[in-house]
């Protein structure tokens, strides 16, 4: 998936960490990119989904 969505590697060899929220129609509604803030991926995702 990372390659499909074009998420680059960071820190030379580590894969990037990006969360995508895609709605039922297949539209990307939110993108969150953070290599270090793991909890924020969950928080951002839940907040976005609740807003639907």
PDB file of N, CA and C in Angstrom:
ATOM      1  N   UNK A   1       0.818  -1.184   0.000  1.00  0.00           N
ATOM      2  CA  UNK A   1       0.000   0.000   0.000  1.00  0.00           C
ATOM      3  C   UNK A   1       0.868   1.256   0.000  1.00  0.00           C
ATOM      4  N   UNK A   2       1.948   1.213   0.730  1.00  0.00           N
ATOM      5  CA  UNK A   2       2.817   2.383   0.804  1.00  0.00           C
ATOM      6  C   UNK A   2       3.296   2.802  -0.580  1.00  0.00           C
ATOM      7  N   UNK A   3       3.696   1.841  -1.372  1.00  0.00           N
ATOM      8  CA  UNK A   3       4.169   2.141  -2.725  1.00  0.00           C
ATOM      9  C   UNK A   3       3.023   2.590  -3.619  1.00  0.00           C
ATOM     10  N   UNK A   4       1.862   1.970  -3.466  1.00  0.00           N
ATOM     11  CA  UNK A   4       0.689   2.320  -4.269  1.00  0.00           C
ATOM     12  C   UNK A   4       0.296   3.783  -4.070  1.00  0.00           C
ATOM     13  N   UNK A   5       0.371   4.254  -2.825  1.00  0.00           N
ATOM     14  CA  UNK A   5      -0.007   5.631  -2.519  1.00  0.00           C
ATOM     15  C   UNK A   5       1.179   6.592  -2.561  1.00  0.00           C
ATOM     16  N   UNK A   6       2.357   6.101  -2.866  1.00  0.00           N
ATOM     17  CA  UNK A   6       3.523   6.961  -3.037  1.00  0.00           C
ATOM     18  C   UNK A   6       4.106   7.506  -1.743  1.00  0.00           C
ATOM     19  N   UNK A   7       4.018   6.736  -0.664  1.00  0.00           N
ATOM     20  CA  UNK A   7       4.597   7.172   0.608  1.00  0.00           C
ATOM     21  C   UNK A   7       6.098   6.901   0.561  1.00  0.00           C
ATOM     22  N   UNK A   8       6.903   7.944   0.654  1.00  0.00           N
ATOM     23  CA  UNK A   8       8.356   7.748   0.555  1.00  0.00           C
ATOM     24  C   UNK A   8       8.948   7.166   1.828  1.00  0.00           C
ATOM     25  N   UNK A   9      10.135   6.633   1.696  1.00  0.00           N
ATOM     26  CA  UNK A   9      10.887   6.189   2.866  1.00  0.00           C
ATOM     27  C   UNK A   9      11.388   7.418   3.604  1.00  0.00           C
ATOM     28  N   UNK A  10      11.510   7.285   4.917  1.00  0.00           N
ATOM     29  CA  UNK A  10      12.064   8.379   5.708  1.00  0.00           C
ATOM     30  C   UNK A  10      13.292   7.860   6.437  1.00  0.00           C
ATOM     31  N   UNK A  11      14.110   8.739   6.864  1.00  0.00           N
ATOM     32  CA  UNK A  11      15.348   8.369   7.552  1.00  0.00           C
ATOM     33  C   UNK A  11      16.146   7.342   6.751  1.00  0.00           C
ATOM     34  N   UNK A  12      16.116   7.510   5.459  1.00  0.00           N
ATOM     35  CA  UNK A  12      16.904   6.731   4.503  1.00  0.00           C
ATOM     36  C   UNK A  12      16.398   5.310   4.251  1.00  0.00           C
ATOM     37  N   UNK A  13      16.073   4.546   5.282  1.00  0.00           N
ATOM     38  CA  UNK A  13      15.668   3.158   5.041  1.00  0.00           C
ATOM     39  C   UNK A  13      14.313   2.803   5.642  1.00  0.00           C
ATOM     40  N   UNK A  14      13.843   3.559   6.610  1.00  0.00           N
ATOM     41  CA  UNK A  14      12.570   3.238   7.249  1.00  0.00           C
ATOM     42  C   UNK A  14      11.400   3.643   6.361  1.00  0.00           C
ATOM     43  N   UNK A  15      10.391   2.803   6.269  1.00  0.00           N
ATOM     44  CA  UNK A  15       9.220   3.179   5.477  1.00  0.00           C
ATOM     45  C   UNK A  15       8.450   4.294   6.176  1.00  0.00           C
ATOM     46  N   UNK A  16       7.830   5.162   5.386  1.00  0.00           N
ATOM     47  CA  UNK A  16       7.021   6.222   5.962  1.00  0.00           C
ATOM     48  C   UNK A  16       5.803   5.644   6.662  1.00  0.00           C
ATOM     49  N   UNK A  17       5.232   6.407   7.574  1.00  0.00           N
ATOM     50  CA  UNK A  17       4.036   5.971   8.294  1.00  0.00           C
ATOM     51  C   UNK A  17       2.932   6.986   8.001  1.00  0.00           C
ATOM     52  N   UNK A  18       1.977   6.570   7.166  1.00  0.00           N
ATOM     53  CA  UNK A  18       0.879   7.438   6.763  1.00  0.00           C
ATOM     54  C   UNK A  18      -0.424   6.670   6.920  1.00  0.00           C
ATOM     55  N   UNK A  19      -1.432   7.347   7.484  1.00  0.00           N
ATOM     56  CA  UNK A  19      -2.760   6.757   7.619  1.00  0.00           C
ATOM     57  C   UNK A  19      -3.697   7.471   6.654  1.00  0.00           C
ATOM     58  N   UNK A  20      -4.444   6.696   5.885  1.00  0.00           N
ATOM     59  CA  UNK A  20      -5.438   7.232   4.962  1.00  0.00           C
ATOM     60  C   UNK A  20      -6.818   6.830   5.446  1.00  0.00           C
ATOM     61  N   UNK A  21      -7.751   7.777   5.441  1.00  0.00           N
ATOM     62  CA  UNK A  21      -9.149   7.472   5.715  1.00  0.00           C
ATOM     63  C   UNK A  21      -9.867   7.580   4.378  1.00  0.00           C
ATOM     64  N   UNK A  22     -10.437   6.457   3.954  1.00  0.00           N
ATOM     65  CA  UNK A  22     -11.112   6.373   2.659  1.00  0.00           C
ATOM     66  C   UNK A  22     -12.576   6.075   2.922  1.00  0.00           C
ATOM     67  N   UNK A  23     -13.473   6.887   2.343  1.00  0.00           N
ATOM     68  CA  UNK A  23     -14.896   6.690   2.609  1.00  0.00           C
ATOM     69  C   UNK A  23     -15.467   5.540   1.776  1.00  0.00           C
ATOM     70  N   UNK A  24     -16.760   5.295   1.946  1.00  0.00           N
ATOM     71  CA  UNK A  24     -17.412   4.170   1.274  1.00  0.00           C
ATOM     72  C   UNK A  24     -17.443   4.318  -0.243  1.00  0.00           C
ATOM     73  N   UNK A  25     -17.257   5.542  -0.718  1.00  0.00           N
ATOM     74  CA  UNK A  25     -17.240   5.788  -2.160  1.00  0.00           C
ATOM     75  C   UNK A  25     -15.835   5.698  -2.739  1.00  0.00           C
ATOM     76  N   UNK A  26     -14.855   5.406  -1.890  1.00  0.00           N
ATOM     77  CA  UNK A  26     -13.480   5.275  -2.350  1.00  0.00           C
ATOM     78  C   UNK A  26     -12.713   6.581  -2.414  1.00  0.00           C
ATOM     79  N   UNK A  27     -13.248   7.632  -1.798  1.00  0.00           N
ATOM     80  CA  UNK A  27     -12.595   8.939  -1.807  1.00  0.00           C
ATOM     81  C   UNK A  27     -11.735   9.082  -0.551  1.00  0.00           C
ATOM     82  N   UNK A  28     -10.492   9.486  -0.747  1.00  0.00           N
ATOM     83  CA  UNK A  28      -9.601   9.722   0.391  1.00  0.00           C
ATOM     84  C   UNK A  28     -10.069  10.995   1.082  1.00  0.00           C
ATOM     85  N   UNK A  29     -10.494  10.858   2.334  1.00  0.00           N
ATOM     86  CA  UNK A  29     -11.044  11.987   3.093  1.00  0.00           C
ATOM     87  C   UNK A  29     -10.049  12.606   4.059  1.00  0.00           C
ATOM     88  N   UNK A  30      -9.017  11.863   4.413  1.00  0.00           N
ATOM     89  CA  UNK A  30      -8.044  12.402   5.366  1.00  0.00           C
ATOM     90  C   UNK A  30      -6.725  11.652   5.211  1.00  0.00           C
ATOM     91  N   UNK A  31      -5.637  12.390   5.319  1.00  0.00           N
ATOM     92  CA  UNK A  31      -4.297  11.804   5.294  1.00  0.00           C
ATOM     93  C   UNK A  31      -3.554  12.327   6.512  1.00  0.00           C
ATOM     94  N   UNK A  32      -2.990  11.419   7.270  1.00  0.00           N
ATOM     95  CA  UNK A  32      -2.193  11.814   8.435  1.00  0.00           C
ATOM     96  C   UNK A  32      -0.817  11.187   8.307  1.00  0.00           C
ATOM     97  N   UNK A  33       0.204  12.023   8.418  1.00  0.00           N
ATOM     98  CA  UNK A  33       1.583  11.579   8.219  1.00  0.00           C
ATOM     99  C   UNK A  33       2.411  11.938   9.451  1.00  0.00           C
ATOM    100  N   UNK A  34       2.842  10.929  10.178  1.00  0.00           N
ATOM    101  CA  UNK A  34       3.712  11.154  11.333  1.00  0.00           C
ATOM    102  C   UNK A  34       4.510   9.894  11.593  1.00  0.00           C
ATOM    103  N   UNK A  35       5.796  10.015  11.590  1.00  0.00           N
ATOM    104  CA  UNK A  35       6.669   8.867  11.805  1.00  0.00           C
ATOM    105  C   UNK A  35       6.748   8.479  13.279  1.00  0.00           C
ATOM    106  N   UNK A  36       6.617   9.453  14.169  1.00  0.00           N
ATOM    107  CA  UNK A  36       6.864   9.184  15.578  1.00  0.00           C
ATOM    108  C   UNK A  36       5.621   9.199  16.470  1.00  0.00           C
ATOM    109  N   UNK A  37       4.586   9.915  16.084  1.00  0.00           N
ATOM    110  CA  UNK A  37       3.408  10.070  16.946  1.00  0.00           C
ATOM    111  C   UNK A  37       2.372   8.999  16.623  1.00  0.00           C
ATOM    112  N   UNK A  38       2.587   7.798  17.147  1.00  0.00           N
ATOM    113  CA  UNK A  38       1.739   6.650  16.831  1.00  0.00           C
ATOM    114  C   UNK A  38       0.307   6.848  17.309  1.00  0.00           C
ATOM    115  N   UNK A  39       0.142   7.379  18.511  1.00  0.00           N
ATOM    116  CA  UNK A  39      -1.199   7.571  19.064  1.00  0.00           C
ATOM    117  C   UNK A  39      -2.008   8.568  18.246  1.00  0.00           C
ATOM    118  N   UNK A  40      -1.338   9.545  17.675  1.00  0.00           N
ATOM    119  CA  UNK A  40      -2.042  10.552  16.883  1.00  0.00           C
ATOM    120  C   UNK A  40      -2.674   9.945  15.638  1.00  0.00           C
ATOM    121  N   UNK A  41      -2.093   8.889  15.101  1.00  0.00           N
ATOM    122  CA  UNK A  41      -2.708   8.219  13.953  1.00  0.00           C
ATOM    123  C   UNK A  41      -4.100   7.724  14.336  1.00  0.00           C
ATOM    124  N   UNK A  42      -4.223   7.138  15.520  1.00  0.00           N
ATOM    125  CA  UNK A  42      -5.513   6.624  15.994  1.00  0.00           C
ATOM    126  C   UNK A  42      -6.467   7.772  16.283  1.00  0.00           C
ATOM    127  N   UNK A  43      -5.996   8.778  17.010  1.00  0.00           N
ATOM    128  CA  UNK A  43      -6.837   9.916  17.375  1.00  0.00           C
ATOM    129  C   UNK A  43      -7.356  10.638  16.141  1.00  0.00           C
ATOM    130  N   UNK A  44      -6.474  10.943  15.217  1.00  0.00           N
ATOM    131  CA  UNK A  44      -6.869  11.630  13.984  1.00  0.00           C
ATOM    132  C   UNK A  44      -7.867  10.798  13.184  1.00  0.00           C
ATOM    133  N   UNK A  45      -7.613   9.506  13.102  1.00  0.00           N
ATOM    134  CA  UNK A  45      -8.501   8.622  12.344  1.00  0.00           C
ATOM    135  C   UNK A  45      -9.890   8.589  12.956  1.00  0.00           C
ATOM    136  N   UNK A  46      -9.966   8.402  14.263  1.00  0.00           N
ATOM    137  CA  UNK A  46     -11.267   8.350  14.937  1.00  0.00           C
ATOM    138  C   UNK A  46     -12.023   9.668  14.811  1.00  0.00           C
ATOM    139  N   UNK A  47     -11.335  10.784  14.968  1.00  0.00           N
ATOM    140  CA  UNK A  47     -11.988  12.087  14.822  1.00  0.00           C
ATOM    141  C   UNK A  47     -12.534  12.285  13.420  1.00  0.00           C
ATOM    142  N   UNK A  48     -11.783  11.864  12.428  1.00  0.00           N
ATOM    143  CA  UNK A  48     -12.237  11.998  11.044  1.00  0.00           C
ATOM    144  C   UNK A  48     -13.448  11.122  10.781  1.00  0.00           C
ATOM    145  N   UNK A  49     -13.397   9.881  11.229  1.00  0.00           N
ATOM    146  CA  UNK A  49     -14.508   8.958  11.002  1.00  0.00           C
ATOM    147  C   UNK A  49     -15.767   9.446  11.716  1.00  0.00           C
ATOM    148  N   UNK A  50     -15.629   9.969  12.916  1.00  0.00           N
ATOM    149  CA  UNK A  50     -16.786  10.491  13.662  1.00  0.00           C
ATOM    150  C   UNK A  50     -17.431  11.671  12.952  1.00  0.00           C
ATOM    151  N   UNK A  51     -16.661  12.392  12.155  1.00  0.00           N
ATOM    152  CA  UNK A  51     -17.200  13.565  11.459  1.00  0.00           C
ATOM    153  C   UNK A  51     -18.028  13.204  10.225  1.00  0.00           C
ATOM    154  N   UNK A  52     -18.014  11.948   9.817  1.00  0.00           N
ATOM    155  CA  UNK A  52     -18.787  11.528   8.632  1.00  0.00           C
ATOM    156  C   UNK A  52     -20.259  11.524   8.926  1.00  0.00           C
TER     157      UNK A  52
END
